[in-house]
PDB file of N, CA and C in Angstrom:
ATOM      1  N   MET A   1       0.839  -1.169   0.000  1.00  0.00           N
ATOM      2  CA  MET A   1       0.000   0.000   0.000  1.00  0.00           C
ATOM      3  C   MET A   1       0.891   1.241   0.000  1.00  0.00           C
ATOM      4  N   HIS A   2       0.313   2.321  -0.396  1.00  0.00           N
ATOM      5  CA  HIS A   2       1.054   3.582  -0.395  1.00  0.00           C
ATOM      6  C   HIS A   2       1.306   4.027   1.037  1.00  0.00           C
ATOM      7  N   ARG A   3       2.401   4.691   1.254  1.00  0.00           N
ATOM      8  CA  ARG A   3       2.765   5.099   2.619  1.00  0.00           C
ATOM      9  C   ARG A   3       1.724   6.011   3.272  1.00  0.00           C
ATOM     10  N   ARG A   4       0.911   6.674   2.473  1.00  0.00           N
ATOM     11  CA  ARG A   4      -0.136   7.526   3.051  1.00  0.00           C
ATOM     12  C   ARG A   4      -1.189   6.679   3.767  1.00  0.00           C
ATOM     13  N   ASP A   5      -1.194   5.370   3.505  1.00  0.00           N
ATOM     14  CA  ASP A   5      -2.154   4.465   4.136  1.00  0.00           C
ATOM     15  C   ASP A   5      -1.593   3.776   5.380  1.00  0.00           C
ATOM     16  N   LEU A   6      -0.529   4.315   5.941  1.00  0.00           N
ATOM     17  CA  LEU A   6       0.087   3.729   7.128  1.00  0.00           C
ATOM     18  C   LEU A   6      -0.916   3.551   8.265  1.00  0.00           C
ATOM     19  N   ALA A   7      -1.763   4.531   8.488  1.00  0.00           N
ATOM     20  CA  ALA A   7      -2.739   4.440   9.578  1.00  0.00           C
ATOM     21  C   ALA A   7      -3.665   3.237   9.394  1.00  0.00           C
ATOM     22  N   LEU A   8      -4.045   2.947   8.161  1.00  0.00           N
ATOM     23  CA  LEU A   8      -4.896   1.795   7.883  1.00  0.00           C
ATOM     24  C   LEU A   8      -4.160   0.493   8.213  1.00  0.00           C
ATOM     25  N   LEU A   9      -2.913   0.405   7.816  1.00  0.00           N
ATOM     26  CA  LEU A   9      -2.122  -0.792   8.127  1.00  0.00           C
ATOM     27  C   LEU A   9      -1.932  -0.953   9.631  1.00  0.00           C
ATOM     28  N   GLU A  10      -1.749   0.142  10.327  1.00  0.00           N
ATOM     29  CA  GLU A  10      -1.616   0.084  11.790  1.00  0.00           C
ATOM     30  C   GLU A  10      -2.915  -0.393  12.440  1.00  0.00           C
ATOM     31  N   LYS A  11      -4.052   0.031  11.902  1.00  0.00           N
ATOM     32  CA  LYS A  11      -5.336  -0.440  12.420  1.00  0.00           C
ATOM     33  C   LYS A  11      -5.514  -1.932  12.161  1.00  0.00           C
ATOM     34  N   LEU A  12      -5.078  -2.375  10.994  1.00  0.00           N
ATOM     35  CA  LEU A  12      -5.144  -3.792  10.663  1.00  0.00           C
ATOM     36  C   LEU A  12      -4.276  -4.609  11.624  1.00  0.00           C
ATOM     37  N   GLN A  13      -3.091  -4.133  11.889  1.00  0.00           N
ATOM     38  CA  GLN A  13      -2.188  -4.809  12.817  1.00  0.00           C
ATOM     39  C   GLN A  13      -2.800  -4.834  14.225  1.00  0.00           C
ATOM     40  N   ALA A  14      -3.370  -3.742  14.655  1.00  0.00           N
ATOM     41  CA  ALA A  14      -4.006  -3.687  15.977  1.00  0.00           C
ATOM     42  C   ALA A  14      -5.208  -4.640  16.035  1.00  0.00           C
ATOM     43  N   PHE A  15      -5.989  -4.689  14.953  1.00  0.00           N
ATOM     44  CA  PHE A  15      -7.137  -5.581  14.892  1.00  0.00           C
ATOM     45  C   PHE A  15      -6.706  -7.026  15.109  1.00  0.00           C
ATOM     46  N   PHE A  16      -5.581  -7.400  14.527  1.00  0.00           N
ATOM     47  CA  PHE A  16      -5.055  -8.751  14.674  1.00  0.00           C
ATOM     48  C   PHE A  16      -4.133  -8.868  15.891  1.00  0.00           C
ATOM     49  N   LYS A  17      -4.445  -8.108  16.935  1.00  0.00           N
ATOM     50  CA  LYS A  17      -3.793  -8.202  18.241  1.00  0.00           C
ATOM     51  C   LYS A  17      -2.277  -8.027  18.178  1.00  0.00           C
ATOM     52  N   GLY A  18      -1.822  -7.155  17.310  1.00  0.00           N
ATOM     53  CA  GLY A  18      -0.396  -6.871  17.222  1.00  0.00           C
ATOM     54  C   GLY A  18       0.394  -7.887  16.427  1.00  0.00           C
ATOM     55  N   ALA A  19      -0.275  -8.852  15.840  1.00  0.00           N
ATOM     56  CA  ALA A  19       0.430  -9.862  15.044  1.00  0.00           C
ATOM     57  C   ALA A  19       1.039  -9.201  13.809  1.00  0.00           C
ATOM     58  N   GLY A  20       2.198  -9.680  13.433  1.00  0.00           N
ATOM     59  CA  GLY A  20       2.838  -9.203  12.217  1.00  0.00           C
ATOM     60  C   GLY A  20       3.533  -7.871  12.369  1.00  0.00           C
ATOM     61  N   GLY A  21       3.963  -7.359  11.251  1.00  0.00           N
ATOM     62  CA  GLY A  21       4.672  -6.098  11.247  1.00  0.00           C
ATOM     63  C   GLY A  21       4.454  -5.343   9.949  1.00  0.00           C
ATOM     64  N   ILE A  22       4.742  -4.074  10.000  1.00  0.00           N
ATOM     65  CA  ILE A  22       4.623  -3.189   8.844  1.00  0.00           C
ATOM     66  C   ILE A  22       6.022  -2.819   8.423  1.00  0.00           C
ATOM     67  N   SER A  23       6.293  -2.948   7.139  1.00  0.00           N
ATOM     68  CA  SER A  23       7.621  -2.596   6.654  1.00  0.00           C
ATOM     69  C   SER A  23       7.525  -1.850   5.328  1.00  0.00           C
ATOM     70  N   LYS A  24       8.570  -1.121   5.041  1.00  0.00           N
ATOM     71  CA  LYS A  24       8.657  -0.360   3.797  1.00  0.00           C
ATOM     72  C   LYS A  24       9.180  -1.291   2.712  1.00  0.00           C
ATOM     73  N   THR A  25       8.502  -1.332   1.573  1.00  0.00           N
ATOM     74  CA  THR A  25       8.945  -2.201   0.489  1.00  0.00           C
ATOM     75  C   THR A  25       9.664  -1.421  -0.609  1.00  0.00           C
ATOM     76  N   LYS A  26       9.220  -0.235  -0.848  1.00  0.00           N
ATOM     77  CA  LYS A  26       9.855   0.681  -1.797  1.00  0.00           C
ATOM     78  C   LYS A  26       9.800   2.054  -1.171  1.00  0.00           C
ATOM     79  N   ARG A  27      10.216   3.033  -1.901  1.00  0.00           N
ATOM     80  CA  ARG A  27      10.261   4.380  -1.336  1.00  0.00           C
ATOM     81  C   ARG A  27       8.906   4.875  -0.862  1.00  0.00           C
ATOM     82  N   THR A  28       7.851   4.497  -1.577  1.00  0.00           N
ATOM     83  CA  THR A  28       6.530   5.013  -1.218  1.00  0.00           C
ATOM     84  C   THR A  28       5.525   3.931  -0.847  1.00  0.00           C
ATOM     85  N   THR A  29       5.957   2.682  -0.736  1.00  0.00           N
ATOM     86  CA  THR A  29       5.008   1.615  -0.429  1.00  0.00           C
ATOM     87  C   THR A  29       5.363   0.868   0.855  1.00  0.00           C
ATOM     88  N   LEU A  30       4.309   0.376   1.491  1.00  0.00           N
ATOM     89  CA  LEU A  30       4.441  -0.360   2.743  1.00  0.00           C
ATOM     90  C   LEU A  30       3.703  -1.688   2.599  1.00  0.00           C
ATOM     91  N   GLN A  31       4.050  -2.618   3.463  1.00  0.00           N
ATOM     92  CA  GLN A  31       3.308  -3.879   3.497  1.00  0.00           C
ATOM     93  C   GLN A  31       3.106  -4.322   4.934  1.00  0.00           C
ATOM     94  N   TYR A  32       2.017  -5.026   5.153  1.00  0.00           N
ATOM     95  CA  TYR A  32       1.731  -5.643   6.445  1.00  0.00           C
ATOM     96  C   TYR A  32       1.922  -7.135   6.240  1.00  0.00           C
ATOM     97  N   ARG A  33       2.759  -7.748   7.080  1.00  0.00           N
ATOM     98  CA  ARG A  33       3.087  -9.154   6.934  1.00  0.00           C
ATOM     99  C   ARG A  33       3.058  -9.868   8.266  1.00  0.00           C
ATOM    100  N   VAL A  34       2.515 -11.072   8.259  1.00  0.00           N
ATOM    101  CA  VAL A  34       2.583 -11.933   9.431  1.00  0.00           C
ATOM    102  C   VAL A  34       3.403 -13.144   9.012  1.00  0.00           C
ATOM    103  N   THR A  35       4.559 -13.327   9.646  1.00  0.00           N
ATOM    104  CA  THR A  35       5.446 -14.434   9.267  1.00  0.00           C
ATOM    105  C   THR A  35       5.574 -15.489  10.357  1.00  0.00           C
ATOM    106  N   SER A  36       5.090 -15.206  11.540  1.00  0.00           N
ATOM    107  CA  SER A  36       5.161 -16.159  12.647  1.00  0.00           C
ATOM    108  C   SER A  36       4.073 -17.215  12.497  1.00  0.00           C
ATOM    109  N   VAL A  37       4.480 -18.484  12.404  1.00  0.00           N
ATOM    110  CA  VAL A  37       3.515 -19.565  12.300  1.00  0.00           C
ATOM    111  C   VAL A  37       2.598 -19.553  13.517  1.00  0.00           C
ATOM    112  N   GLU A  38       3.136 -19.252  14.673  1.00  0.00           N
ATOM    113  CA  GLU A  38       2.328 -19.194  15.899  1.00  0.00           C
ATOM    114  C   GLU A  38       1.258 -18.103  15.797  1.00  0.00           C
ATOM    115  N   GLN A  39       1.624 -16.916  15.328  1.00  0.00           N
ATOM    116  CA  GLN A  39       0.644 -15.837  15.180  1.00  0.00           C
ATOM    117  C   GLN A  39      -0.389 -16.175  14.103  1.00  0.00           C
ATOM    118  N   ILE A  40       0.058 -16.803  13.035  1.00  0.00           N
ATOM    119  CA  ILE A  40      -0.878 -17.202  11.987  1.00  0.00           C
ATOM    120  C   ILE A  40      -1.881 -18.214  12.549  1.00  0.00           C
ATOM    121  N   SER A  41      -1.373 -19.191  13.313  1.00  0.00           N
ATOM    122  CA  SER A  41      -2.239 -20.237  13.882  1.00  0.00           C
ATOM    123  C   SER A  41      -3.196 -19.708  14.934  1.00  0.00           C
ATOM    124  N   ASN A  42      -2.702 -18.818  15.775  1.00  0.00           N
ATOM    125  CA  ASN A  42      -3.483 -18.387  16.934  1.00  0.00           C
ATOM    126  C   ASN A  42      -4.320 -17.129  16.717  1.00  0.00           C
ATOM    127  N   VAL A  43      -3.998 -16.353  15.680  1.00  0.00           N
ATOM    128  CA  VAL A  43      -4.707 -15.084  15.471  1.00  0.00           C
ATOM    129  C   VAL A  43      -5.386 -15.040  14.095  1.00  0.00           C
ATOM    130  N   ILE A  44      -4.611 -15.264  13.053  1.00  0.00           N
ATOM    131  CA  ILE A  44      -5.127 -15.086  11.690  1.00  0.00           C
ATOM    132  C   ILE A  44      -6.109 -16.192  11.310  1.00  0.00           C
ATOM    133  N   ILE A  45      -5.715 -17.454  11.484  1.00  0.00           N
ATOM    134  CA  ILE A  45      -6.576 -18.568  11.092  1.00  0.00           C
ATOM    135  C   ILE A  45      -7.906 -18.567  11.849  1.00  0.00           C
ATOM    136  N   PRO A  46      -7.910 -18.366  13.174  1.00  0.00           N
ATOM    137  CA  PRO A  46      -9.217 -18.325  13.846  1.00  0.00           C
ATOM    138  C   PRO A  46     -10.149 -17.248  13.289  1.00  0.00           C
ATOM    139  N   HIS A  47      -9.592 -16.112  12.890  1.00  0.00           N
ATOM    140  CA  HIS A  47     -10.426 -15.059  12.312  1.00  0.00           C
ATOM    141  C   HIS A  47     -11.080 -15.535  11.018  1.00  0.00           C
ATOM    142  N   PHE A  48     -10.278 -16.104  10.117  1.00  0.00           N
ATOM    143  CA  PHE A  48     -10.826 -16.526   8.827  1.00  0.00           C
ATOM    144  C   PHE A  48     -11.645 -17.808   8.928  1.00  0.00           C
ATOM    145  N   ASP A  49     -11.462 -18.578   9.991  1.00  0.00           N
ATOM    146  CA  ASP A  49     -12.363 -19.706  10.221  1.00  0.00           C
ATOM    147  C   ASP A  49     -13.731 -19.194  10.661  1.00  0.00           C
ATOM    148  N   LYS A  50     -13.742 -18.135  11.440  1.00  0.00           N
ATOM    149  CA  LYS A  50     -15.001 -17.561  11.926  1.00  0.00           C
ATOM    150  C   LYS A  50     -15.698 -16.748  10.838  1.00  0.00           C
ATOM    151  N   TYR A  51     -14.931 -15.990  10.067  1.00  0.00           N
ATOM    152  CA  TYR A  51     -15.473 -15.129   9.013  1.00  0.00           C
ATOM    153  C   TYR A  51     -14.935 -15.620   7.675  1.00  0.00           C
ATOM    154  N   SER A  52     -15.625 -16.572   7.089  1.00  0.00           N
ATOM    155  CA  SER A  52     -15.146 -17.252   5.882  1.00  0.00           C
ATOM    156  C   SER A  52     -14.992 -16.331   4.687  1.00  0.00           C
ATOM    157  N   LEU A  53     -13.983 -16.621   3.922  1.00  0.00           N
ATOM    158  CA  LEU A  53     -13.818 -15.982   2.625  1.00  0.00           C
ATOM    159  C   LEU A  53     -14.799 -16.630   1.657  1.00  0.00           C
ATOM    160  N   ILE A  54     -14.987 -15.993   0.508  1.00  0.00           N
ATOM    161  CA  ILE A  54     -15.880 -16.572  -0.494  1.00  0.00           C
ATOM    162  C   ILE A  54     -15.123 -16.740  -1.808  1.00  0.00           C
ATOM    163  N   THR A  55     -15.712 -17.424  -2.727  1.00  0.00           N
ATOM    164  CA  THR A  55     -15.162 -17.707  -4.053  1.00  0.00           C
ATOM    165  C   THR A  55     -13.837 -18.454  -3.952  1.00  0.00           C
ATOM    166  N   GLN A  56     -12.957 -18.244  -4.916  1.00  0.00           N
ATOM    167  CA  GLN A  56     -11.683 -18.969  -4.983  1.00  0.00           C
ATOM    168  C   GLN A  56     -10.784 -18.654  -3.796  1.00  0.00           C
ATOM    169  N   LYS A  57     -10.945 -17.502  -3.186  1.00  0.00           N
ATOM    170  CA  LYS A  57     -10.108 -17.142  -2.033  1.00  0.00           C
ATOM    171  C   LYS A  57     -10.289 -18.127  -0.883  1.00  0.00           C
ATOM    172  N   LEU A  58     -11.487 -18.684  -0.742  1.00  0.00           N
ATOM    173  CA  LEU A  58     -11.712 -19.685   0.303  1.00  0.00           C
ATOM    174  C   LEU A  58     -10.875 -20.929   0.023  1.00  0.00           C
ATOM    175  N   ALA A  59     -10.862 -21.389  -1.204  1.00  0.00           N
ATOM    176  CA  ALA A  59     -10.063 -22.565  -1.563  1.00  0.00           C
ATOM    177  C   ALA A  59      -8.575 -22.302  -1.303  1.00  0.00           C
ATOM    178  N   ASP A  60      -8.109 -21.111  -1.669  1.00  0.00           N
ATOM    179  CA  ASP A  60      -6.702 -20.755  -1.425  1.00  0.00           C
ATOM    180  C   ASP A  60      -6.408 -20.706   0.069  1.00  0.00           C
ATOM    181  N   TYR A  61      -7.339 -20.152   0.841  1.00  0.00           N
ATOM    182  CA  TYR A  61      -7.165 -20.090   2.296  1.00  0.00           C
ATOM    183  C   TYR A  61      -7.063 -21.493   2.894  1.00  0.00           C
ATOM    184  N   LEU A  62      -7.928 -22.395   2.453  1.00  0.00           N
ATOM    185  CA  LEU A  62      -7.903 -23.757   2.993  1.00  0.00           C
ATOM    186  C   LEU A  62      -6.584 -24.460   2.679  1.00  0.00           C
ATOM    187  N   LEU A  63      -6.025 -24.205   1.499  1.00  0.00           N
ATOM    188  CA  LEU A  63      -4.707 -24.761   1.168  1.00  0.00           C
ATOM    189  C   LEU A  63      -3.627 -24.148   2.058  1.00  0.00           C
ATOM    190  N   PHE A  64      -3.694 -22.848   2.251  1.00  0.00           N
ATOM    191  CA  PHE A  64      -2.752 -22.149   3.129  1.00  0.00           C
ATOM    192  C   PHE A  64      -2.832 -22.716   4.544  1.00  0.00           C
ATOM    193  N   LYS A  65      -4.046 -22.883   5.043  1.00  0.00           N
ATOM    194  CA  LYS A  65      -4.249 -23.427   6.385  1.00  0.00           C
ATOM    195  C   LYS A  65      -3.674 -24.844   6.493  1.00  0.00           C
ATOM    196  N   LYS A  66      -3.851 -25.630   5.451  1.00  0.00           N
ATOM    197  CA  LYS A  66      -3.303 -26.996   5.426  1.00  0.00           C
ATOM    198  C   LYS A  66      -1.775 -26.972   5.573  1.00  0.00           C
ATOM    199  N   VAL A  67      -1.125 -26.044   4.898  1.00  0.00           N
ATOM    200  CA  VAL A  67       0.330 -25.919   4.999  1.00  0.00           C
ATOM    201  C   VAL A  67       0.736 -25.514   6.417  1.00  0.00           C
ATOM    202  N   ILE A  68       0.021 -24.585   7.013  1.00  0.00           N
ATOM    203  CA  ILE A  68       0.340 -24.169   8.385  1.00  0.00           C
ATOM    204  C   ILE A  68       0.207 -25.351   9.342  1.00  0.00           C
ATOM    205  N   ILE A  69      -0.837 -26.139   9.189  1.00  0.00           N
ATOM    206  CA  ILE A  69      -1.016 -27.321  10.037  1.00  0.00           C
ATOM    207  C   ILE A  69       0.140 -28.299   9.828  1.00  0.00           C
ATOM    208  N   MET A  70       0.555 -28.484   8.582  1.00  0.00           N
ATOM    209  CA  MET A  70       1.689 -29.361   8.297  1.00  0.00           C
ATOM    210  C   MET A  70       2.957 -28.842   8.973  1.00  0.00           C
ATOM    211  N   MET A  71       3.137 -27.527   8.942  1.00  0.00           N
ATOM    212  CA  MET A  71       4.325 -26.940   9.571  1.00  0.00           C
ATOM    213  C   MET A  71       4.279 -27.106  11.091  1.00  0.00           C
ATOM    214  N   GLU A  72       3.102 -26.965  11.678  1.00  0.00           N
ATOM    215  CA  GLU A  72       2.972 -27.171  13.120  1.00  0.00           C
ATOM    216  C   GLU A  72       3.337 -28.602  13.514  1.00  0.00           C
ATOM    217  N   LYS A  73       3.064 -29.534  12.612  1.00  0.00           N
ATOM    218  CA  LYS A  73       3.397 -30.940  12.858  1.00  0.00           C
ATOM    219  C   LYS A  73       4.843 -31.265  12.453  1.00  0.00           C
ATOM    220  N   LYS A  74       5.580 -30.233  12.031  1.00  0.00           N
ATOM    221  CA  LYS A  74       6.985 -30.370  11.626  1.00  0.00           C
ATOM    222  C   LYS A  74       7.165 -31.201  10.355  1.00  0.00           C
ATOM    223  N   GLU A  75       6.100 -31.346   9.588  1.00  0.00           N
ATOM    224  CA  GLU A  75       6.180 -32.121   8.351  1.00  0.00           C
ATOM    225  C   GLU A  75       7.076 -31.451   7.306  1.00  0.00           C
ATOM    226  N   HIS A  76       7.228 -30.152   7.417  1.00  0.00           N
ATOM    227  CA  HIS A  76       8.064 -29.425   6.463  1.00  0.00           C
ATOM    228  C   HIS A  76       9.545 -29.768   6.629  1.00  0.00           C
ATOM    229  N   LEU A  77       9.896 -30.464   7.689  1.00  0.00           N
ATOM    230  CA  LEU A  77      11.289 -30.824   7.953  1.00  0.00           C
ATOM    231  C   LEU A  77      11.694 -32.126   7.265  1.00  0.00           C
ATOM    232  N   THR A  78      10.736 -32.798   6.645  1.00  0.00           N
ATOM    233  CA  THR A  78      11.062 -34.007   5.884  1.00  0.00           C
ATOM    234  C   THR A  78      10.969 -33.688   4.395  1.00  0.00           C
ATOM    235  N   GLN A  79      11.676 -34.457   3.599  1.00  0.00           N
ATOM    236  CA  GLN A  79      11.644 -34.225   2.148  1.00  0.00           C
ATOM    237  C   GLN A  79      10.235 -34.443   1.602  1.00  0.00           C
ATOM    238  N   GLU A  80       9.555 -35.479   2.076  1.00  0.00           N
ATOM    239  CA  GLU A  80       8.200 -35.754   1.610  1.00  0.00           C
ATOM    240  C   GLU A  80       7.247 -34.615   1.984  1.00  0.00           C
ATOM    241  N   GLY A  81       7.347 -34.150   3.225  1.00  0.00           N
ATOM    242  CA  GLY A  81       6.500 -33.049   3.655  1.00  0.00           C
ATOM    243  C   GLY A  81       6.764 -31.780   2.866  1.00  0.00           C
ATOM    244  N   LEU A  82       8.042 -31.502   2.641  1.00  0.00           N
ATOM    245  CA  LEU A  82       8.409 -30.313   1.859  1.00  0.00           C
ATOM    246  C   LEU A  82       7.876 -30.423   0.433  1.00  0.00           C
ATOM    247  N   ASN A  83       7.987 -31.603  -0.153  1.00  0.00           N
ATOM    248  CA  ASN A  83       7.451 -31.803  -1.505  1.00  0.00           C
ATOM    249  C   ASN A  83       5.942 -31.583  -1.536  1.00  0.00           C
ATOM    250  N   ASN A  84       5.243 -32.049  -0.490  1.00  0.00           N
ATOM    251  CA  ASN A  84       3.794 -31.831  -0.412  1.00  0.00           C
ATOM    252  C   ASN A  84       3.462 -30.345  -0.320  1.00  0.00           C
ATOM    253  N   ILE A  85       4.228 -29.614   0.471  1.00  0.00           N
ATOM    254  CA  ILE A  85       4.005 -28.177   0.607  1.00  0.00           C
ATOM    255  C   ILE A  85       4.249 -27.460  -0.723  1.00  0.00           C
ATOM    256  N   VAL A  86       5.292 -27.839  -1.427  1.00  0.00           N
ATOM    257  CA  VAL A  86       5.583 -27.230  -2.732  1.00  0.00           C
ATOM    258  C   VAL A  86       4.440 -27.508  -3.707  1.00  0.00           C
ATOM    259  N   ALA A  87       3.897 -28.719  -3.670  1.00  0.00           N
ATOM    260  CA  ALA A  87       2.766 -29.058  -4.546  1.00  0.00           C
ATOM    261  C   ALA A  87       1.539 -28.217  -4.200  1.00  0.00           C
ATOM    262  N   ILE A  88       1.282 -28.035  -2.919  1.00  0.00           N
ATOM    263  CA  ILE A  88       0.150 -27.210  -2.493  1.00  0.00           C
ATOM    264  C   ILE A  88       0.365 -25.768  -2.924  1.00  0.00           C
ATOM    265  N   LYS A  89       1.571 -25.249  -2.711  1.00  0.00           N
ATOM    266  CA  LYS A  89       1.878 -23.858  -3.085  1.00  0.00           C
ATOM    267  C   LYS A  89       1.616 -23.622  -4.565  1.00  0.00           C
ATOM    268  N   SER A  90       1.936 -24.606  -5.386  1.00  0.00           N
ATOM    269  CA  SER A  90       1.750 -24.411  -6.828  1.00  0.00           C
ATOM    270  C   SER A  90       0.273 -24.307  -7.212  1.00  0.00           C
ATOM    271  N   SER A  91      -0.612 -24.758  -6.332  1.00  0.00           N
ATOM    272  CA  SER A  91      -2.051 -24.685  -6.602  1.00  0.00           C
ATOM    273  C   SER A  91      -2.680 -23.377  -6.142  1.00  0.00           C
ATOM    274  N   ILE A  92      -2.043 -22.699  -5.212  1.00  0.00           N
ATOM    275  CA  ILE A  92      -2.619 -21.471  -4.650  1.00  0.00           C
ATOM    276  C   ILE A  92      -2.620 -20.362  -5.700  1.00  0.00           C
ATOM    277  N   ASN A  93      -3.719 -19.621  -5.732  1.00  0.00           N
ATOM    278  CA  ASN A  93      -3.933 -18.485  -6.648  1.00  0.00           C
ATOM    279  C   ASN A  93      -4.042 -18.898  -8.113  1.00  0.00           C
ATOM    280  N   LYS A  94      -4.296 -20.174  -8.366  1.00  0.00           N
ATOM    281  CA  LYS A  94      -4.429 -20.617  -9.754  1.00  0.00           C
ATOM    282  C   LYS A  94      -5.776 -21.226 -10.054  1.00  0.00           C
ATOM    283  N   GLY A  95      -6.653 -21.243  -9.049  1.00  0.00           N
ATOM    284  CA  GLY A  95      -7.986 -21.783  -9.280  1.00  0.00           C
ATOM    285  C   GLY A  95      -8.016 -23.292  -9.417  1.00  0.00           C
ATOM    286  N   LEU A  96      -7.024 -23.978  -8.874  1.00  0.00           N
ATOM    287  CA  LEU A  96      -6.972 -25.424  -8.974  1.00  0.00           C
ATOM    288  C   LEU A  96      -7.485 -26.079  -7.711  1.00  0.00           C
ATOM    289  N   ALA A  97      -7.948 -27.283  -7.823  1.00  0.00           N
ATOM    290  CA  ALA A  97      -8.380 -28.061  -6.663  1.00  0.00           C
ATOM    291  C   ALA A  97      -7.154 -28.461  -5.862  1.00  0.00           C
ATOM    292  N   SER A  98      -7.346 -28.741  -4.579  1.00  0.00           N
ATOM    293  CA  SER A  98      -6.211 -29.135  -3.735  1.00  0.00           C
ATOM    294  C   SER A  98      -5.649 -30.464  -4.171  1.00  0.00           C
ATOM    295  N   PRO A  99      -4.315 -30.635  -3.996  1.00  0.00           N
ATOM    296  CA  PRO A  99      -3.680 -31.889  -4.406  1.00  0.00           C
ATOM    297  C   PRO A  99      -4.043 -33.032  -3.478  1.00  0.00           C
TER     298      PRO A  99
END
């Protein structure tokens, strides 16, 4: 987002209980990112489970959630688990059914 929208990003961060961070990506743009698996599991996922997305975004969210669950189970630390995550990632944002 444009840097003039910093207040909006700060409200978004506050809404999600301080999860994530805001950083500058270019001279005039900012981004809000949550990279902690714990914050994603405990803050972000419960929100989207309660307030479902619609259309293809729901399918993408469910794939994303599946990867987070796999990471919580440490499956990403095995070659097979990592391969499964890569396969799931390739389906996100492409309108494909889950693998």
